[in-house]
N, C-alpha and C. Protein backbone atom coordinates (compact mmCIF):
# COMPACT_ATOMS: atom_id res chain seq x y z
N MET A 1 -64.33 153.50 15.15
CA MET A 1 -64.73 152.05 16.08
C MET A 1 -63.34 151.22 15.59
N ARG A 2 -62.72 151.32 14.53
CA ARG A 2 -61.64 150.27 14.38
C ARG A 2 -60.32 150.64 15.27
N GLY A 3 -60.33 151.69 15.91
CA GLY A 3 -59.46 151.93 17.02
C GLY A 3 -59.56 151.88 18.22
N CYS A 4 -60.75 151.28 18.65
CA CYS A 4 -61.43 151.18 19.89
C CYS A 4 -60.67 150.43 20.96
N THR A 5 -60.32 150.75 21.94
CA THR A 5 -59.79 150.20 22.88
C THR A 5 -60.64 150.00 24.40
N ARG A 6 -62.12 150.27 24.13
CA ARG A 6 -62.46 150.22 25.46
C ARG A 6 -62.69 148.84 25.85
N CYS A 7 -62.54 147.69 25.45
CA CYS A 7 -62.63 146.27 25.69
C CYS A 7 -61.52 145.52 25.23
N GLY A 8 -61.15 144.40 25.45
CA GLY A 8 -59.98 143.75 24.56
C GLY A 8 -60.68 142.97 23.57
N LEU A 9 -61.72 142.99 22.99
CA LEU A 9 -62.17 142.38 21.87
C LEU A 9 -61.49 142.78 20.67
N ARG A 10 -61.39 143.85 20.94
CA ARG A 10 -60.84 144.38 19.15
C ARG A 10 -59.48 144.03 19.02
N ALA A 11 -58.81 143.64 19.86
CA ALA A 11 -57.45 143.04 19.72
C ALA A 11 -57.36 141.57 19.17
N GLY A 12 -58.75 141.01 19.39
CA GLY A 12 -58.55 139.38 18.90
C GLY A 12 -59.12 139.15 17.63
N CYS A 13 -59.86 140.32 17.20
CA CYS A 13 -60.95 139.97 16.10
C CYS A 13 -60.11 140.38 14.60
N SER A 14 -60.64 140.13 13.27
CA SER A 14 -60.02 140.50 12.23
C SER A 14 -60.30 142.07 11.81
N GLY A 15 -61.72 142.36 12.39
CA GLY A 15 -62.22 143.52 12.20
C GLY A 15 -63.44 144.12 12.85
N VAL A 16 -63.56 145.31 12.67
CA VAL A 16 -65.17 145.81 13.44
C VAL A 16 -66.22 145.56 12.33
N VAL A 17 -67.33 144.68 12.95
CA VAL A 17 -68.65 144.48 12.15
C VAL A 17 -69.36 145.74 12.75
N PHE A 18 -69.50 146.68 12.15
CA PHE A 18 -70.49 147.82 12.59
C PHE A 18 -72.15 147.62 12.54
N GLY A 19 -72.48 147.26 11.33
CA GLY A 19 -73.93 147.14 11.19
C GLY A 19 -74.01 147.49 9.69
N GLU A 20 -75.23 147.32 9.13
CA GLU A 20 -75.83 147.60 7.68
C GLU A 20 -77.08 147.48 7.57
N GLY A 21 -77.59 148.61 6.56
CA GLY A 21 -79.13 148.41 6.17
C GLY A 21 -79.43 149.87 5.96
N ASP A 22 -80.59 150.25 6.24
CA ASP A 22 -81.10 151.59 5.80
C ASP A 22 -80.91 152.23 7.08
N ALA A 23 -80.06 153.35 6.90
CA ALA A 23 -79.91 154.40 8.15
C ALA A 23 -80.92 154.99 8.72
N ARG A 24 -82.16 154.95 7.94
CA ARG A 24 -83.31 155.79 8.74
C ARG A 24 -84.62 154.58 8.73
N ALA A 25 -84.17 153.42 8.87
CA ALA A 25 -84.96 152.20 9.17
C ALA A 25 -85.77 152.43 10.35
N HIS A 26 -87.17 151.96 9.94
CA HIS A 26 -88.04 151.66 11.05
C HIS A 26 -87.91 150.69 12.02
N LEU A 27 -87.32 149.70 11.34
CA LEU A 27 -87.18 148.45 12.09
C LEU A 27 -85.57 148.13 12.17
N CYS A 28 -85.47 147.86 13.52
CA CYS A 28 -83.88 147.62 13.71
C CYS A 28 -83.73 146.13 14.42
N LEU A 29 -82.87 145.21 13.87
CA LEU A 29 -82.62 144.15 14.52
C LEU A 29 -81.00 144.06 15.28
N ILE A 30 -81.15 143.60 16.52
CA ILE A 30 -79.89 143.68 17.19
C ILE A 30 -79.43 142.29 17.54
N GLY A 31 -78.18 141.83 17.46
CA GLY A 31 -78.15 140.41 17.79
C GLY A 31 -76.80 140.57 19.03
N GLU A 32 -76.09 139.40 19.18
CA GLU A 32 -75.29 139.11 20.07
C GLU A 32 -74.05 139.91 19.57
N GLY A 33 -73.23 139.60 18.77
CA GLY A 33 -71.96 139.86 18.14
C GLY A 33 -71.59 138.97 16.91
N PRO A 34 -70.60 139.49 16.31
CA PRO A 34 -70.17 138.85 15.15
C PRO A 34 -69.72 137.56 15.19
N GLY A 35 -70.03 136.27 14.48
CA GLY A 35 -69.35 135.14 14.45
C GLY A 35 -68.01 135.15 13.58
N ALA A 36 -67.74 134.07 13.02
CA ALA A 36 -66.54 133.95 12.26
C ALA A 36 -66.52 134.42 11.02
N THR A 37 -67.67 134.00 10.43
CA THR A 37 -67.98 134.61 8.99
C THR A 37 -68.09 136.19 9.00
N GLU A 38 -68.95 136.59 9.81
CA GLU A 38 -69.10 138.16 9.92
C GLU A 38 -67.81 138.65 10.23
N ASP A 39 -67.03 138.26 11.11
CA ASP A 39 -65.82 138.88 11.56
C ASP A 39 -64.97 138.82 9.91
N GLU A 40 -64.88 137.72 9.26
CA GLU A 40 -64.19 137.46 8.22
C GLU A 40 -64.47 138.56 7.01
N LEU A 41 -66.29 138.98 7.08
CA LEU A 41 -66.38 139.36 5.89
C LEU A 41 -66.71 141.11 6.20
N GLY A 42 -66.63 141.25 7.39
CA GLY A 42 -67.13 142.68 8.10
C GLY A 42 -68.51 142.89 7.98
N ARG A 43 -69.50 141.94 7.91
CA ARG A 43 -70.85 142.17 7.73
C ARG A 43 -71.68 141.38 8.80
N PRO A 44 -72.70 142.07 9.31
CA PRO A 44 -73.54 141.16 10.30
C PRO A 44 -74.37 140.24 9.78
N PHE A 45 -74.44 139.22 10.41
CA PHE A 45 -75.46 138.44 10.11
C PHE A 45 -75.17 137.53 8.49
N VAL A 46 -74.25 137.01 8.24
CA VAL A 46 -74.06 136.65 6.89
C VAL A 46 -73.66 135.12 6.97
N GLY A 47 -73.43 134.60 7.84
CA GLY A 47 -73.11 133.32 8.15
C GLY A 47 -74.60 132.30 7.86
N ALA A 48 -74.64 131.15 8.39
CA ALA A 48 -75.83 130.28 8.57
C ALA A 48 -76.92 130.97 9.29
N ALA A 49 -76.74 131.70 10.50
CA ALA A 49 -77.68 132.28 11.07
C ALA A 49 -78.34 133.45 10.44
N GLY A 50 -77.26 134.30 9.51
CA GLY A 50 -77.68 135.44 8.76
C GLY A 50 -78.62 134.76 7.72
N GLN A 51 -78.30 133.75 6.94
CA GLN A 51 -78.90 133.28 6.05
C GLN A 51 -80.33 132.98 6.35
N LEU A 52 -80.69 132.44 7.63
CA LEU A 52 -81.99 132.33 8.16
C LEU A 52 -82.92 133.44 8.49
N LEU A 53 -81.89 134.52 9.04
CA LEU A 53 -82.62 135.75 9.45
C LEU A 53 -83.24 136.66 7.96
N ASP A 54 -82.51 136.18 6.84
CA ASP A 54 -83.00 136.76 5.54
C ASP A 54 -84.14 136.08 5.13
N ARG A 55 -84.16 134.69 5.35
CA ARG A 55 -85.38 133.96 5.17
C ARG A 55 -86.41 134.58 5.85
N ILE A 56 -86.30 134.61 7.13
CA ILE A 56 -87.43 134.87 8.07
C ILE A 56 -87.92 136.59 7.62
N LEU A 57 -86.84 137.38 7.35
CA LEU A 57 -87.24 138.92 7.09
C LEU A 57 -88.17 138.95 5.75
N ALA A 58 -87.64 138.23 4.90
CA ALA A 58 -88.48 137.74 3.37
C ALA A 58 -89.85 137.42 3.85
N ALA A 59 -89.90 136.34 4.58
CA ALA A 59 -91.31 135.83 4.75
C ALA A 59 -92.11 136.68 5.52
N ALA A 60 -91.46 137.79 5.96
CA ALA A 60 -92.54 138.79 6.99
C ALA A 60 -92.58 140.03 5.79
N GLY A 61 -91.85 139.89 4.94
CA GLY A 61 -92.26 141.02 3.92
C GLY A 61 -91.06 142.01 3.80
N PHE A 62 -90.04 141.95 4.47
CA PHE A 62 -88.79 142.69 4.58
C PHE A 62 -87.82 142.33 3.75
N ARG A 63 -87.30 143.48 2.91
CA ARG A 63 -85.90 143.19 2.46
C ARG A 63 -84.92 143.87 3.49
N ARG A 64 -84.03 142.88 3.37
CA ARG A 64 -82.73 143.26 4.27
C ARG A 64 -82.21 144.65 4.18
N ALA A 65 -82.39 145.13 2.84
CA ALA A 65 -81.96 146.74 2.66
C ALA A 65 -83.04 147.48 3.37
N GLN A 66 -84.01 147.34 3.87
CA GLN A 66 -84.81 148.09 4.45
C GLN A 66 -85.04 148.18 5.67
N VAL A 67 -84.19 147.22 6.69
CA VAL A 67 -83.74 147.45 7.89
C VAL A 67 -82.64 147.62 8.34
N TYR A 68 -82.53 147.81 9.46
CA TYR A 68 -80.83 148.08 9.98
C TYR A 68 -80.48 146.62 10.80
N ILE A 69 -79.57 146.11 10.48
CA ILE A 69 -78.98 145.05 11.44
C ILE A 69 -77.72 145.37 12.18
N THR A 70 -77.53 145.26 13.30
CA THR A 70 -76.37 145.20 14.07
C THR A 70 -76.35 144.05 15.40
N ASN A 71 -75.14 144.45 15.98
CA ASN A 71 -75.09 143.61 17.32
C ASN A 71 -74.96 144.56 18.47
N VAL A 72 -74.94 143.65 19.62
CA VAL A 72 -74.64 144.41 20.98
C VAL A 72 -73.05 144.83 21.08
N VAL A 73 -72.32 143.78 20.64
CA VAL A 73 -70.88 143.98 20.11
C VAL A 73 -70.40 144.19 18.87
N LEU A 74 -69.56 144.84 18.76
CA LEU A 74 -69.18 144.95 17.13
C LEU A 74 -67.93 143.89 17.03
N CYS A 75 -67.17 143.70 18.02
CA CYS A 75 -65.99 142.72 17.44
C CYS A 75 -66.12 141.22 18.13
N ARG A 76 -65.71 140.30 17.48
CA ARG A 76 -66.26 138.91 17.56
C ARG A 76 -65.28 138.15 18.89
N PRO A 77 -66.16 137.81 19.86
CA PRO A 77 -65.70 137.62 21.15
C PRO A 77 -64.71 136.02 20.76
N PRO A 78 -63.69 136.00 21.55
CA PRO A 78 -62.90 134.69 21.04
C PRO A 78 -63.70 133.27 21.27
N GLY A 79 -63.61 132.54 20.52
CA GLY A 79 -64.22 131.01 20.63
C GLY A 79 -65.90 131.37 20.41
N ASN A 80 -66.04 132.50 19.77
CA ASN A 80 -67.43 132.59 19.66
C ASN A 80 -68.37 132.51 20.93
N ARG A 81 -67.57 132.82 22.04
CA ARG A 81 -68.19 133.08 23.27
C ARG A 81 -69.07 134.26 23.51
N VAL A 82 -69.88 134.13 24.30
CA VAL A 82 -71.24 135.16 24.80
C VAL A 82 -70.11 136.36 25.16
N PRO A 83 -70.49 137.70 24.78
CA PRO A 83 -69.85 138.87 25.49
C PRO A 83 -70.11 138.92 26.69
N SER A 84 -69.21 139.49 27.65
CA SER A 84 -69.40 139.56 29.05
C SER A 84 -69.75 141.01 29.34
N ASP A 85 -70.47 141.15 30.66
CA ASP A 85 -71.10 142.25 30.63
C ASP A 85 -70.21 143.59 30.64
N GLU A 86 -68.95 143.43 30.99
CA GLU A 86 -67.89 144.42 30.81
C GLU A 86 -67.92 144.81 29.31
N GLU A 87 -67.82 143.94 28.21
CA GLU A 87 -67.61 144.20 26.96
C GLU A 87 -68.83 144.88 26.51
N MET A 88 -70.11 144.16 26.89
CA MET A 88 -71.43 145.03 26.65
C MET A 88 -71.38 146.15 26.88
N ALA A 89 -70.92 146.46 28.23
CA ALA A 89 -70.92 148.03 28.76
C ALA A 89 -70.14 149.01 28.10
N ALA A 90 -68.91 148.51 27.61
CA ALA A 90 -68.13 149.22 26.65
C ALA A 90 -68.81 149.60 25.29
N CYS A 91 -69.26 148.84 24.57
CA CYS A 91 -69.96 148.93 23.50
C CYS A 91 -71.29 149.77 23.45
N ARG A 92 -71.92 149.72 24.82
CA ARG A 92 -73.35 150.22 25.00
C ARG A 92 -73.21 151.66 24.31
N PRO A 93 -72.40 152.59 24.73
CA PRO A 93 -72.77 154.21 24.35
C PRO A 93 -72.58 154.11 22.58
N ARG A 94 -72.11 153.35 22.11
CA ARG A 94 -71.97 153.18 20.49
C ARG A 94 -73.33 152.91 20.33
N LEU A 95 -74.00 151.80 20.75
CA LEU A 95 -75.35 151.21 20.35
C LEU A 95 -76.31 151.94 20.48
N GLN A 96 -76.20 152.71 21.54
CA GLN A 96 -77.28 153.73 22.11
C GLN A 96 -77.05 154.97 20.93
N ARG A 97 -75.90 155.48 20.63
CA ARG A 97 -75.82 156.49 19.62
C ARG A 97 -76.52 156.08 18.14
N GLN A 98 -76.33 154.70 17.81
CA GLN A 98 -76.66 154.32 16.81
C GLN A 98 -78.21 154.17 16.87
N LEU A 99 -78.80 154.09 17.87
CA LEU A 99 -80.18 153.99 17.89
C LEU A 99 -80.71 155.23 17.78
N ARG A 100 -80.20 156.13 18.43
CA ARG A 100 -80.39 157.87 18.34
C ARG A 100 -80.51 158.05 16.82
N GLN A 101 -79.47 157.73 16.36
CA GLN A 101 -79.02 158.23 14.78
C GLN A 101 -80.19 157.55 13.82
N ILE A 102 -80.33 156.46 13.69
CA ILE A 102 -81.25 155.59 13.14
C ILE A 102 -82.80 155.88 13.34
N ASP A 103 -83.06 155.75 14.73
CA ASP A 103 -84.39 156.28 15.30
C ASP A 103 -85.31 155.21 14.74
N PRO A 104 -85.27 154.05 14.97
CA PRO A 104 -86.16 152.96 14.64
C PRO A 104 -87.37 152.83 15.78
N GLY A 105 -88.53 152.99 15.35
CA GLY A 105 -89.60 152.97 16.09
C GLY A 105 -89.79 151.37 16.75
N ILE A 106 -89.35 150.37 16.18
CA ILE A 106 -89.28 149.03 16.24
C ILE A 106 -87.82 148.71 16.28
N VAL A 107 -87.49 147.76 17.41
CA VAL A 107 -86.44 146.95 17.48
C VAL A 107 -86.54 145.83 18.15
N VAL A 108 -86.02 144.47 17.52
CA VAL A 108 -85.98 143.31 17.65
C VAL A 108 -84.64 142.47 18.13
N ALA A 109 -84.69 142.45 19.55
CA ALA A 109 -83.49 141.90 20.37
C ALA A 109 -83.38 140.27 19.96
N LEU A 110 -82.51 140.07 19.17
CA LEU A 110 -82.15 138.56 19.01
C LEU A 110 -81.39 138.01 19.80
N GLY A 111 -82.07 137.16 20.75
CA GLY A 111 -81.79 136.48 21.72
C GLY A 111 -81.22 136.78 23.00
N GLY A 112 -80.65 136.01 23.91
CA GLY A 112 -80.66 136.53 25.35
C GLY A 112 -79.60 137.73 25.70
N THR A 113 -78.54 137.66 24.72
CA THR A 113 -77.56 138.62 25.01
C THR A 113 -78.20 139.99 24.67
N ALA A 114 -78.85 139.93 23.31
CA ALA A 114 -79.54 141.58 23.31
C ALA A 114 -80.82 141.79 24.17
N VAL A 115 -81.18 140.91 24.93
CA VAL A 115 -82.33 140.96 25.86
C VAL A 115 -81.66 141.83 27.12
N ARG A 116 -80.44 141.21 27.25
CA ARG A 116 -79.88 141.91 28.42
C ARG A 116 -79.13 142.99 28.26
N ALA A 117 -78.94 143.49 27.00
CA ALA A 117 -78.15 144.45 26.66
C ALA A 117 -79.48 145.75 26.41
N LEU A 118 -80.60 145.27 26.10
CA LEU A 118 -81.71 146.44 25.75
C LEU A 118 -82.88 146.14 26.97
N VAL A 119 -83.26 145.23 27.30
CA VAL A 119 -84.35 144.95 28.02
C VAL A 119 -84.15 144.85 29.42
N ASP A 120 -83.65 144.09 30.01
CA ASP A 120 -83.15 143.77 31.35
C ASP A 120 -81.92 143.34 31.51
N PRO A 121 -80.87 143.64 32.33
CA PRO A 121 -79.56 143.23 32.69
C PRO A 121 -79.69 142.11 33.04
N ARG A 122 -80.82 141.31 33.77
CA ARG A 122 -80.78 139.94 34.37
C ARG A 122 -81.77 139.38 33.88
N GLY A 123 -82.46 139.72 32.65
CA GLY A 123 -83.48 139.15 31.65
C GLY A 123 -82.92 137.95 30.83
N ARG A 124 -84.00 137.21 30.70
CA ARG A 124 -83.74 136.13 30.05
C ARG A 124 -84.57 135.72 28.95
N ILE A 125 -84.22 135.36 27.90
CA ILE A 125 -84.92 135.08 26.52
C ILE A 125 -86.17 134.53 27.09
N SER A 126 -86.27 133.51 27.87
CA SER A 126 -87.34 132.61 28.06
C SER A 126 -88.61 133.47 28.92
N GLN A 127 -88.11 134.48 29.53
CA GLN A 127 -88.83 135.28 30.24
C GLN A 127 -89.56 136.54 29.52
N THR A 128 -88.64 137.03 28.15
CA THR A 128 -89.09 138.18 27.69
C THR A 128 -89.47 138.24 26.20
N ARG A 129 -89.25 137.05 25.73
CA ARG A 129 -89.63 136.74 24.18
C ARG A 129 -91.07 136.60 24.22
N GLY A 130 -91.67 137.31 23.15
CA GLY A 130 -92.84 137.41 22.65
C GLY A 130 -93.74 138.54 23.22
N ARG A 131 -93.27 139.32 24.16
CA ARG A 131 -94.00 140.28 24.83
C ARG A 131 -93.06 141.77 24.28
N TRP A 132 -93.99 142.79 24.03
CA TRP A 132 -93.39 144.32 23.79
C TRP A 132 -92.84 144.69 25.03
N HIS A 133 -91.60 145.57 24.99
CA HIS A 133 -91.18 146.11 25.99
C HIS A 133 -90.84 147.46 25.56
N GLN A 134 -90.46 148.78 26.30
CA GLN A 134 -90.21 149.76 25.74
C GLN A 134 -88.68 150.12 26.14
N LEU A 135 -88.24 151.05 25.13
CA LEU A 135 -86.78 151.41 25.23
C LEU A 135 -86.61 152.91 24.79
N ASP A 136 -86.63 153.83 25.53
CA ASP A 136 -86.49 155.01 25.08
C ASP A 136 -87.31 155.58 23.85
N GLY A 137 -88.42 155.40 24.09
CA GLY A 137 -89.73 155.72 23.35
C GLY A 137 -89.77 154.63 22.03
N ARG A 138 -89.00 153.33 22.13
CA ARG A 138 -89.23 152.52 20.88
C ARG A 138 -89.87 151.24 21.61
N TRP A 139 -90.41 150.53 20.53
CA TRP A 139 -91.17 149.30 20.91
C TRP A 139 -89.89 148.09 20.69
N VAL A 140 -89.61 147.40 21.83
CA VAL A 140 -88.63 146.06 21.68
C VAL A 140 -89.42 144.93 21.75
N LEU A 141 -88.96 143.94 20.88
CA LEU A 141 -89.62 142.73 20.98
C LEU A 141 -88.43 141.56 20.95
N ALA A 142 -88.34 140.79 21.92
CA ALA A 142 -87.17 139.77 22.13
C ALA A 142 -87.96 138.50 21.59
N THR A 143 -86.93 138.01 20.48
CA THR A 143 -87.35 136.68 19.94
C THR A 143 -85.99 135.87 20.16
N TYR A 144 -86.04 134.52 19.62
CA TYR A 144 -84.99 133.75 19.56
C TYR A 144 -83.94 134.10 18.67
N HIS A 145 -82.51 134.00 18.95
CA HIS A 145 -81.42 134.26 17.82
C HIS A 145 -81.66 133.14 16.77
N PRO A 146 -81.36 133.65 15.49
CA PRO A 146 -81.41 132.66 14.34
C PRO A 146 -80.48 131.39 14.59
N ALA A 147 -79.38 131.98 15.36
CA ALA A 147 -78.33 130.62 15.70
C ALA A 147 -79.18 129.78 16.49
N TYR A 148 -80.02 129.94 17.63
CA TYR A 148 -80.44 129.12 18.50
C TYR A 148 -81.74 128.41 17.83
N LEU A 149 -82.40 129.13 16.80
CA LEU A 149 -83.33 128.22 15.88
C LEU A 149 -82.45 127.21 14.92
N LEU A 150 -81.54 127.27 14.63
CA LEU A 150 -80.48 126.48 13.52
C LEU A 150 -80.23 125.18 14.41
N ARG A 151 -80.42 125.43 15.84
CA ARG A 151 -80.08 124.24 16.82
C ARG A 151 -81.37 123.66 17.21
N ASN A 152 -82.18 124.44 17.42
CA ASN A 152 -83.49 124.10 18.11
C ASN A 152 -84.64 124.26 17.12
N PRO A 153 -84.93 123.64 16.03
CA PRO A 153 -85.87 124.06 14.82
C PRO A 153 -87.11 123.85 15.42
N GLY A 154 -87.41 123.49 16.55
CA GLY A 154 -88.80 123.42 17.06
C GLY A 154 -89.17 124.82 17.80
N ALA A 155 -88.39 125.49 17.90
CA ALA A 155 -88.58 126.94 18.24
C ALA A 155 -88.98 127.87 17.30
N LYS A 156 -88.86 127.38 16.04
CA LYS A 156 -89.07 128.24 15.04
C LYS A 156 -90.52 128.86 14.88
N ASN A 157 -91.91 128.15 15.31
CA ASN A 157 -93.04 128.58 15.25
C ASN A 157 -93.19 129.85 16.18
N ALA A 158 -92.56 129.42 17.41
CA ALA A 158 -92.34 130.77 18.31
C ALA A 158 -91.73 131.84 17.81
N ALA A 159 -90.88 131.69 17.10
CA ALA A 159 -89.93 133.05 16.44
C ALA A 159 -91.01 133.54 15.46
N TRP A 160 -91.59 132.57 14.51
CA TRP A 160 -92.54 133.45 13.62
C TRP A 160 -93.70 133.96 14.13
N ALA A 161 -94.50 133.60 15.22
CA ALA A 161 -95.40 134.20 15.78
C ALA A 161 -94.73 135.73 16.46
N ASP A 162 -93.60 136.02 16.85
CA ASP A 162 -92.92 137.03 17.39
C ASP A 162 -92.73 138.00 16.34
N PHE A 163 -92.33 137.30 14.87
CA PHE A 163 -92.23 138.32 13.69
C PHE A 163 -93.56 138.72 12.95
N ARG A 164 -94.54 137.64 13.33
CA ARG A 164 -95.99 138.40 13.01
C ARG A 164 -96.17 139.43 13.91
N MET A 165 -95.93 139.43 14.91
CA MET A 165 -96.31 140.65 16.10
C MET A 165 -95.55 141.96 15.58
N VAL A 166 -94.12 141.73 14.79
CA VAL A 166 -93.28 142.72 14.40
C VAL A 166 -94.30 143.41 13.30
N VAL A 167 -94.48 142.40 12.29
CA VAL A 167 -95.31 143.00 11.07
C VAL A 167 -96.39 143.87 11.54
N ASP A 168 -97.49 143.18 12.55
CA ASP A 168 -98.70 143.96 12.81
C ASP A 168 -98.40 145.20 13.34
N LEU A 169 -97.46 145.46 14.28
CA LEU A 169 -97.28 146.79 14.96
C LEU A 169 -96.71 147.27 13.68
N TYR A 170 -95.66 146.93 12.73
CA TYR A 170 -94.88 147.60 11.66
C TYR A 170 -96.12 148.33 10.62
N ARG A 171 -97.14 147.49 10.69
CA ARG A 171 -98.19 147.96 9.62
C ARG A 171 -99.05 149.16 10.20
N ARG A 172 -99.26 149.05 11.61
CA ARG A 172 -99.99 150.00 12.29
C ARG A 172 -99.45 151.33 12.09
N LEU A 173 -97.74 151.22 12.65
CA LEU A 173 -97.24 152.37 12.60
C LEU A 173 -96.68 153.08 11.27
N TYR A 174 -96.29 152.31 10.51
CA TYR A 174 -95.77 152.50 9.25
C TYR A 174 -96.26 152.15 7.61
N GLY A 175 -97.52 151.33 7.76
CA GLY A 175 -98.25 150.81 6.75
C GLY A 175 -97.37 149.80 6.38
N ASP A 176 -97.70 149.05 5.20
CA ASP A 176 -97.38 147.63 4.68
C ASP A 176 -95.72 147.78 4.64
N PRO A 177 -95.13 146.69 4.98
CA PRO A 177 -93.52 146.73 4.96
C PRO A 177 -93.07 146.68 3.38
N GLY A 178 -94.08 145.84 2.41
CA GLY A 178 -93.52 145.63 1.30
C GLY A 178 -94.53 144.43 1.09
N PRO A 179 -94.19 143.76 -0.15
CA PRO A 179 -94.96 142.84 -0.89
C PRO A 179 -94.52 141.57 -0.24
N GLY A 180 -95.84 140.71 -0.09
CA GLY A 180 -95.64 139.28 0.70
C GLY A 180 -95.80 139.37 2.20
N ALA A 181 -96.11 140.58 2.69
CA ALA A 181 -96.30 140.90 4.27
C ALA A 181 -97.59 140.39 4.55
């Protein structure tokens, strides 16, 4: 992926932020794309939004190491803008390969960009969040992106309700995710 030229994003970022976590995880979280901190460190969700995501995961009973976290695009868009449809399309085969290899039964689409990439190209988070969708035999739940929650703390209760749905389905499919769930 370091030599990828399918879109122009690679030329303007420090590095590729592939993803991390358990390569056989039952739960995969997919965000929009790397931010400045992620681009600098080469890891997904490690800035302020990532710290909030870690707290949400812990409250739901998951350890970050037991899930897989990635983004729709692997390279930081300039100025932290939303990836274009063309950029998302260029990265889509890689995302599809990752999902086939990891084979999670549950996917959480974090924010509107992930909704458009995974659920509906014209979808909006306000229309899709809190409802289960199907993608290649996987359960997909859309919820707010942690960065949105930082800017709009009033939406945290809705996001928490979404994560409770994730925990409930996880328990039905795989058992208890761990202590505290």
